[in-house]
Protein backbone atom coordinates (compact mmCIF):
# COMPACT_ATOMS: atom_id res chain seq x y z
CA MET A 1 12.79 18.19 15.55
CA GLU A 2 11.60 19.67 19.02
CA ARG A 3 8.39 19.72 18.93
CA LYS A 4 5.89 17.01 18.25
CA VAL A 5 5.36 15.99 14.84
CA ARG A 6 1.79 17.16 13.41
CA VAL A 7 -0.02 14.67 11.54
CA VAL A 8 -3.42 14.90 9.31
CA GLN A 9 -4.98 11.72 8.41
CA TYR A 10 -6.86 11.65 5.49
CA GLY A 11 -9.53 8.84 5.32
CA THR A 12 -11.04 7.46 8.69
CA GLY A 13 -11.98 4.04 8.01
CA LYS A 14 -10.63 0.56 9.29
CA MET A 15 -6.84 1.01 9.11
CA ALA A 16 -7.04 5.00 10.55
CA VAL A 17 -8.09 3.34 13.64
CA TYR A 18 -4.99 1.74 13.91
CA THR A 19 -2.78 4.48 12.21
CA MET A 20 -4.26 7.45 14.61
CA ARG A 21 -3.49 5.58 17.59
CA TYR A 22 -0.27 4.56 16.75
CA VAL A 23 0.70 8.00 15.91
CA PHE A 24 -0.07 9.50 19.30
CA GLU A 25 1.38 6.30 21.32
CA LYS A 26 4.57 6.95 18.98
CA GLY A 27 4.51 10.76 20.62
CA GLY A 28 2.94 12.46 17.75
CA GLU A 29 -0.12 14.00 17.51
CA VAL A 30 -3.19 14.05 14.72
CA VAL A 31 -4.40 17.57 14.26
CA GLY A 32 -6.65 16.86 11.83
CA ALA A 33 -8.67 14.68 9.96
CA ILE A 34 -10.25 13.98 6.40
CA ASP A 35 -13.19 11.82 4.99
CA VAL A 36 -16.10 11.76 2.79
CA ASN A 37 -18.50 9.59 4.61
CA PRO A 38 -21.22 11.57 6.14
CA ALA A 39 -21.35 9.35 9.18
CA VAL A 40 -17.91 10.29 10.33
CA ILE A 41 -17.58 14.08 9.53
CA GLY A 42 -17.67 15.82 12.85
CA LYS A 43 -16.96 13.09 15.05
CA ASP A 44 -13.68 13.22 17.43
CA VAL A 45 -10.84 11.06 16.05
CA GLY A 46 -10.95 9.80 20.01
CA GLU A 47 -14.37 8.35 19.21
CA ILE A 48 -13.16 6.56 16.10
CA ILE A 49 -10.02 4.71 17.54
CA GLY A 50 -12.27 3.93 20.84
CA GLY A 51 -10.56 6.39 23.57
CA GLU A 52 -11.33 9.92 24.81
CA LYS A 53 -11.97 12.94 23.11
CA ARG A 54 -8.98 14.58 21.10
CA GLY A 55 -10.87 17.51 20.61
CA VAL A 56 -9.75 16.95 17.16
CA THR A 57 -13.23 16.47 14.65
CA VAL A 58 -13.29 14.79 10.92
CA THR A 59 -13.65 17.13 8.45
CA ASP A 60 -15.33 16.96 5.29
CA ALA A 61 -12.80 16.23 2.06
CA LYS A 62 -14.54 19.35 0.26
CA ASN A 63 -12.72 21.47 2.50
CA ALA A 64 -9.61 19.47 2.96
CA GLU A 65 -7.27 22.48 1.15
CA SER A 66 -8.51 24.90 3.58
CA LEU A 67 -7.93 22.57 6.50
CA LEU A 68 -4.71 21.91 5.35
CA LYS A 69 -3.51 25.48 4.61
CA GLU A 70 -4.90 26.14 8.18
CA LEU A 71 -3.09 23.01 10.45
CA LYS A 72 0.39 22.98 8.16
CA PRO A 73 1.00 19.73 9.02
CA ASP A 74 4.30 17.82 9.02
CA ILE A 75 2.48 14.89 7.28
CA VAL A 76 -0.63 13.40 5.66
CA ILE A 77 -1.16 9.52 6.10
CA VAL A 78 -3.50 8.80 2.93
CA THR A 79 -5.63 5.70 3.81
CA THR A 80 -8.59 5.36 1.54
CA MET A 81 -8.27 3.67 -1.75
CA SER A 82 -5.81 0.83 -3.38
CA LEU A 83 -4.96 2.65 -6.87
CA LEU A 84 -2.73 5.64 -7.60
CA ASN A 85 -5.56 7.27 -9.81
CA ASP A 86 -7.92 6.93 -6.49
CA ILE A 87 -5.67 8.61 -4.30
CA LYS A 88 -3.99 10.92 -6.84
CA ASP A 89 -5.81 14.16 -5.77
CA ALA A 90 -4.84 13.97 -2.19
CA PHE A 91 -1.43 13.44 -2.98
CA LEU A 92 -1.51 16.16 -5.90
CA LEU A 93 -2.94 18.47 -2.91
CA CYS A 94 -0.29 17.75 -0.66
CA ALA A 95 2.31 17.98 -3.28
CA LYS A 96 0.67 21.55 -4.34
CA LEU A 97 0.65 22.72 -0.65
CA GLY A 98 4.33 21.19 0.00
CA ILE A 99 3.06 18.67 2.65
CA ASN A 100 4.87 15.42 2.98
CA ALA A 101 2.34 12.18 2.54
CA ILE A 102 2.61 8.71 2.84
CA SER A 103 -0.22 5.96 2.06
CA THR A 104 -1.08 2.57 2.33
CA CYS A 105 -1.99 2.81 -1.51
CA GLU A 106 -0.56 -0.46 -2.69
CA GLU A 107 0.08 0.79 -6.03
CA ALA A 108 1.77 3.83 -4.39
CA PHE A 109 4.40 1.60 -3.04
CA PHE A 110 5.93 1.49 -6.42
CA PRO A 111 3.99 3.18 -8.89
CA PHE A 112 6.51 3.68 -11.75
CA ASN A 113 6.34 0.80 -13.26
CA SER A 114 2.50 0.90 -13.63
CA ASN A 115 1.18 4.60 -13.79
CA PRO A 116 4.03 6.89 -14.87
CA THR A 117 2.33 9.52 -15.85
CA VAL A 118 0.64 10.41 -12.44
CA THR A 119 3.46 9.16 -10.62
CA ASN A 120 5.84 12.21 -12.49
CA GLU A 121 2.93 15.00 -12.22
CA ILE A 122 3.19 14.31 -8.51
CA ASP A 123 6.83 14.01 -8.45
CA LYS A 124 7.07 17.13 -10.38
CA LEU A 125 4.93 18.99 -8.00
CA ALA A 126 6.87 17.94 -5.01
CA LYS A 127 9.99 18.96 -6.04
CA GLU A 128 8.72 22.48 -6.70
CA ASN A 129 7.37 22.73 -3.09
CA GLY A 130 9.71 20.92 -1.47
CA CYS A 131 7.70 17.63 0.02
CA THR A 132 8.24 13.89 -0.08
CA ILE A 133 5.46 11.50 -1.14
CA THR A 134 5.81 8.02 -0.99
CA GLY A 135 3.90 4.73 -0.48
CA SER A 136 4.45 1.94 2.45
CA GLY A 137 2.73 -0.47 4.52
CA TYR A 138 3.12 -4.17 5.06
CA GLN A 139 4.82 -5.05 1.75
CA ASP A 140 7.55 -2.66 2.71
CA ILE A 141 8.91 -5.20 4.84
CA TYR A 142 7.44 -8.51 4.39
CA TRP A 143 7.63 -8.43 0.39
CA GLY A 144 10.64 -5.64 0.35
CA GLU A 145 13.28 -5.30 3.26
CA LEU A 146 13.06 -8.66 3.91
CA ILE A 147 13.55 -10.32 1.05
CA SER A 148 16.55 -7.71 -0.07
CA ALA A 149 18.35 -8.53 3.53
CA ILE A 150 17.79 -12.40 2.68
CA ALA A 151 19.44 -11.33 -0.98
CA GLY A 152 22.40 -10.02 0.88
CA SER A 153 23.19 -12.98 2.57
CA THR A 154 23.21 -14.98 -0.88
CA GLN A 155 26.18 -15.91 -3.24
CA LYS A 156 24.25 -16.67 -6.23
CA ILE A 157 20.45 -15.74 -6.89
CA THR A 158 18.88 -17.47 -10.07
CA LYS A 159 15.02 -17.24 -8.81
CA ILE A 160 13.18 -15.05 -6.23
CA LYS A 161 9.53 -16.78 -5.64
CA GLY A 162 6.99 -15.56 -3.33
CA SER A 163 3.58 -15.91 -1.89
CA SER A 164 1.37 -13.66 0.65
CA SER A 165 -2.10 -14.17 1.26
CA TYR A 166 -5.00 -11.74 3.13
CA ASN A 167 -8.15 -11.71 4.51
CA VAL A 168 -9.79 -8.69 2.01
CA GLU A 169 -12.28 -8.23 4.65
CA ASP A 170 -9.90 -6.65 6.69
CA TYR A 171 -9.03 -3.81 4.24
CA GLY A 172 -12.41 -2.22 3.34
CA ILE A 173 -14.67 -2.28 0.15
CA ALA A 174 -12.54 -0.74 -2.09
CA LEU A 175 -9.88 -3.39 -1.75
CA ALA A 176 -12.44 -6.11 -1.77
CA GLU A 177 -14.04 -5.38 -5.01
CA ALA A 178 -10.45 -4.56 -6.45
CA HIS A 179 -9.88 -8.07 -6.17
CA GLY A 180 -13.24 -9.12 -7.66
CA ALA A 181 -14.45 -10.44 -4.53
CA GLY A 182 -18.54 -11.30 -4.63
CA LEU A 183 -18.11 -11.53 -8.66
CA THR A 184 -19.60 -14.37 -10.64
CA LEU A 185 -16.55 -16.55 -12.66
CA LYS A 186 -17.97 -14.84 -16.15
CA GLU A 187 -18.11 -11.09 -14.63
CA PHE A 188 -14.37 -11.87 -12.96
CA ASP A 189 -13.38 -12.96 -16.16
CA GLU A 190 -14.86 -9.93 -17.96
CA LYS A 191 -13.93 -7.26 -15.47
CA ILE A 192 -10.59 -8.69 -13.96
CA ALA A 193 -8.70 -11.16 -15.68
CA SER A 194 -9.21 -9.93 -19.24
CA VAL A 195 -7.24 -7.06 -18.52
CA ASP A 196 -4.23 -9.31 -18.83
CA ARG A 197 -5.06 -11.08 -21.96
CA ILE A 198 -3.49 -8.37 -24.09
CA SER A 199 0.09 -7.99 -25.78
CA ASP A 200 3.28 -6.36 -24.26
CA GLU A 201 2.68 -3.44 -26.41
CA GLU A 202 -1.18 -2.83 -25.40
CA ARG A 203 -0.11 -2.87 -21.60
CA GLN A 204 2.44 -0.48 -22.08
CA LYS A 205 0.04 1.79 -23.86
CA MET A 206 -2.41 1.07 -20.96
CA ILE A 207 0.33 1.78 -18.48
CA ASN A 208 1.40 5.03 -20.07
CA SER A 209 -2.13 6.39 -19.87
CA GLY A 210 -2.98 5.29 -16.82
CA GLU A 211 -5.52 2.81 -17.14
CA TYR A 212 -3.83 -0.57 -16.16
CA LEU A 213 -4.74 -2.09 -13.05
CA PRO A 214 -1.99 -3.85 -11.15
CA SER A 215 -2.14 -6.65 -8.91
CA TYR A 216 0.18 -5.52 -5.79
CA MET A 217 3.25 -7.52 -7.01
CA TRP A 218 3.48 -5.69 -9.64
CA ASN A 219 4.85 -2.85 -7.81
CA VAL A 220 6.44 -4.99 -5.57
CA ASN A 221 8.67 -6.24 -8.48
CA GLY A 222 9.58 -2.96 -9.59
CA TRP A 223 10.43 -2.45 -5.86
CA LEU A 224 12.66 -5.26 -5.54
CA CYS A 225 14.13 -4.56 -8.68
CA SER A 226 15.08 -1.11 -7.83
CA LYS A 227 16.17 -2.10 -4.57
CA LEU A 228 18.26 -4.94 -5.96
CA GLY A 229 19.75 -2.91 -8.89
CA LEU A 230 17.93 -5.55 -11.35
CA THR A 231 16.81 -4.38 -14.96
CA PRO A 232 13.59 -5.74 -16.00
CA ILE A 233 13.05 -6.63 -19.72
CA SER A 234 9.83 -7.91 -19.26
CA GLN A 235 6.64 -8.52 -16.81
CA THR A 236 3.55 -10.38 -16.93
CA GLN A 237 0.39 -10.72 -14.65
CA GLU A 238 -2.58 -13.21 -14.45
CA CYS A 239 -5.23 -12.96 -12.20
CA VAL A 240 -7.07 -16.51 -11.24
CA PRO A 241 -10.23 -16.51 -9.11
CA GLN A 242 -10.64 -17.67 -5.84
CA THR A 243 -13.38 -19.93 -5.17
CA TYR A 244 -15.09 -21.81 -1.89
CA LYS A 245 -17.54 -24.62 -1.59
CA GLU A 246 -19.92 -23.04 0.79
CA ASP A 247 -21.60 -19.18 0.66
CA ILE A 248 -19.48 -16.98 2.83
CA ASP A 249 -20.91 -13.79 4.35
CA SER A 250 -18.93 -10.86 3.87
CA SER A 251 -19.41 -7.93 5.89
CA THR A 252 -17.14 -5.42 4.19
CA LEU A 253 -19.14 -6.27 0.69
CA GLY A 254 -22.28 -6.46 2.52
CA MET A 255 -23.44 -9.62 0.77
CA THR A 256 -23.11 -13.32 0.70
CA VAL A 257 -20.71 -14.54 -1.61
CA LYS A 258 -22.17 -17.83 -3.14
CA ALA A 259 -20.45 -20.98 -3.38
CA GLY A 260 -18.50 -21.26 -6.53
CA ASP A 261 -18.59 -17.31 -6.98
CA ALA A 262 -15.14 -15.49 -6.63
CA THR A 263 -14.27 -14.97 -3.06
CA GLY A 264 -11.22 -13.13 -4.70
CA MET A 265 -8.13 -13.66 -6.22
CA SER A 266 -5.01 -14.77 -7.17
CA ALA A 267 -2.30 -12.84 -8.87
CA VAL A 268 1.05 -13.98 -10.61
CA VAL A 269 3.94 -11.74 -11.60
CA THR A 270 6.59 -12.84 -13.49
CA THR A 271 9.21 -10.53 -14.25
CA LYS A 272 12.58 -11.40 -16.00
CA THR A 273 15.68 -9.25 -15.86
CA LYS A 274 18.98 -8.40 -18.10
CA GLU A 275 21.02 -9.94 -15.33
CA GLY A 276 19.36 -13.55 -15.41
CA ILE A 277 17.11 -13.46 -12.21
CA THR A 278 13.84 -14.12 -12.26
CA ILE A 279 10.94 -12.88 -9.79
CA GLU A 280 7.72 -14.69 -9.52
CA SER A 281 5.50 -13.29 -6.49
CA GLU A 282 1.94 -14.31 -5.86
CA CYS A 283 -0.66 -12.53 -3.83
CA ILE A 284 -3.94 -14.18 -2.66
CA GLY A 285 -6.62 -11.55 -1.59
CA LYS A 286 -10.18 -12.93 -0.68
CA VAL A 287 -12.79 -13.20 1.68
CA TYR A 288 -11.70 -15.77 4.06
CA SER A 289 -13.41 -19.01 4.98
CA LYS A 290 -12.78 -20.39 8.50
CA GLU A 291 -10.17 -22.46 7.40
CA ASP A 292 -7.71 -19.68 6.00
CA TYR A 293 -4.75 -17.68 7.54
CA ASP A 294 -2.74 -14.83 6.66
CA LYS A 295 0.70 -16.34 5.13
CA ASN A 296 3.86 -14.87 3.61
CA GLU A 297 6.22 -17.03 2.21
CA TRP A 298 9.51 -16.64 0.30
CA THR A 299 12.18 -18.57 -1.54
CA ILE A 300 15.76 -17.32 -2.86
CA GLU A 301 16.65 -19.94 -5.23
CA GLY A 302 20.85 -20.02 -5.89
CA GLU A 303 23.31 -20.69 -3.77
CA PRO A 304 22.25 -21.39 -1.35
CA ASN A 305 18.34 -21.60 -1.76
CA THR A 306 16.75 -19.79 1.56
CA THR A 307 13.01 -20.05 2.52
CA ILE A 308 11.39 -17.60 5.02
CA VAL A 309 7.81 -18.10 6.19
CA VAL A 310 5.89 -15.74 8.59
CA ALA A 311 2.54 -17.42 9.54
CA ARG A 312 -0.37 -15.75 10.71
CA PRO A 313 1.18 -12.36 10.38
CA ALA A 314 -1.19 -9.40 11.74
CA THR A 315 -0.93 -7.98 8.22
CA VAL A 316 -3.32 -5.00 9.12
CA GLU A 317 -1.56 -4.06 12.50
CA LEU A 318 1.67 -4.36 10.82
CA THR A 319 1.03 -2.33 7.58
CA CYS A 320 -0.18 0.37 10.18
CA ALA A 321 2.84 0.34 12.36
CA THR A 322 5.24 0.57 8.98
CA ILE A 323 3.41 3.33 7.74
CA VAL A 324 3.91 5.39 11.32
CA ASN A 325 7.31 3.96 11.94
CA ARG A 326 8.35 5.37 8.40
CA ILE A 327 6.89 9.11 9.05
CA PRO A 328 10.81 10.23 10.27
CA ASP A 329 11.90 8.66 6.93
CA VAL A 330 9.49 10.90 4.99
CA ILE A 331 10.08 13.98 6.53
CA ASN A 332 13.77 13.64 6.30
CA GLY A 333 13.61 12.45 2.72
CA LYS A 334 14.57 13.94 -0.38
CA SER A 335 11.57 15.95 -2.29
CA GLY A 336 9.60 14.39 -4.78
CA TYR A 337 8.03 11.06 -5.04
CA VAL A 338 10.63 8.84 -3.34
CA SER A 339 9.80 4.80 -3.31
CA THR A 340 10.94 3.51 0.11
CA ASP A 341 13.69 1.71 -1.41
CA LYS A 342 15.38 5.19 -1.60
CA LEU A 343 14.73 6.19 1.83
CA ASP A 344 15.98 4.97 5.02
CA GLU A 345 16.10 1.23 6.36
CA LEU A 346 13.13 1.09 8.39
CA LYS A 347 13.15 1.11 12.27
CA TYR A 348 11.16 0.92 15.50
CA LEU A 349 10.68 4.09 17.06
CA VAL A 350 12.22 4.16 20.59
CA LYS A 351 11.52 7.23 21.49
CA PRO A 352 9.10 9.95 20.25
CA MET A 353 8.90 10.27 16.65
CA ASN A 354 10.26 13.94 16.42
CA GLU A 355 13.72 12.54 17.85
CA TYR A 356 14.35 11.18 14.81
CA VAL A 357 13.44 13.80 12.59
CA ARG A 358 16.52 16.06 11.40
CA ASP A 359 16.49 19.52 11.70
């Protein structure tokens, strides 16, 4: 592509500060921005990312369709919520207009195993209108490609075990609330944990109706199975509250989480496969105390055993850089809802991103 890649930012919160700046720095251009927050509507995107004015102001989400029709961007970056049902309107709009889209929404990474009805609706519309829709972010490499690459150097695998922790303060209120942060233990049990105390049949019914609330690893395990060619025969999830001995102030929640209340949760997802390989992955998302820090650790058991640890990853920046580096892959991708295991291998963009887009 000879011209710059044209990007519209959908959602201008914490993540967008990085994604928009990274787009400019990688040789693309943010031609529009959309939000629902009256405090940012009308603001120049340069003010949001902390630089000079760019001549592009944030538009009210009510006018998203007319803006996208007018601007005709190459891709939309959606950085709003964590569940597919919460971003489906943005995805469906892009699919309807034939505009590529990528999102940091964690469920969007592999929603086929948690909300197939909405995923198939988006997929059908995207195929009809010739665009690619996907989800990406930190998990794309650190819970996905990194693990599949290690698997490629292993003779025999019996189990894949992973754990990753992150500070919910870094991702906004929707994510923090989805992790049960700020709830009493009783509230956590009623609103979060109880969802998984159901039979396989009940769970599948909820999945088919789009009512299931997956933890992030639910979708990651599905992605890994797809990437590695494994056939899941069962998958379960258990959510356990995390607590701290002292009160912790949360700027994202706008409250003080009392000692003994839920600061967040640990979610463990166990997948058994027809091939005999078990995947057990855990994500720990909570309001951090002064002792906590991000950590990513995965072990592949078999011949040989291999463990890889990434200590103190800059999870927010890595998420946003992954999204931006993925842009050419999405534009080049086949039409439909395409998870990143079916896209090109993620690469660092040395040249301006338009030079990676095939005509």
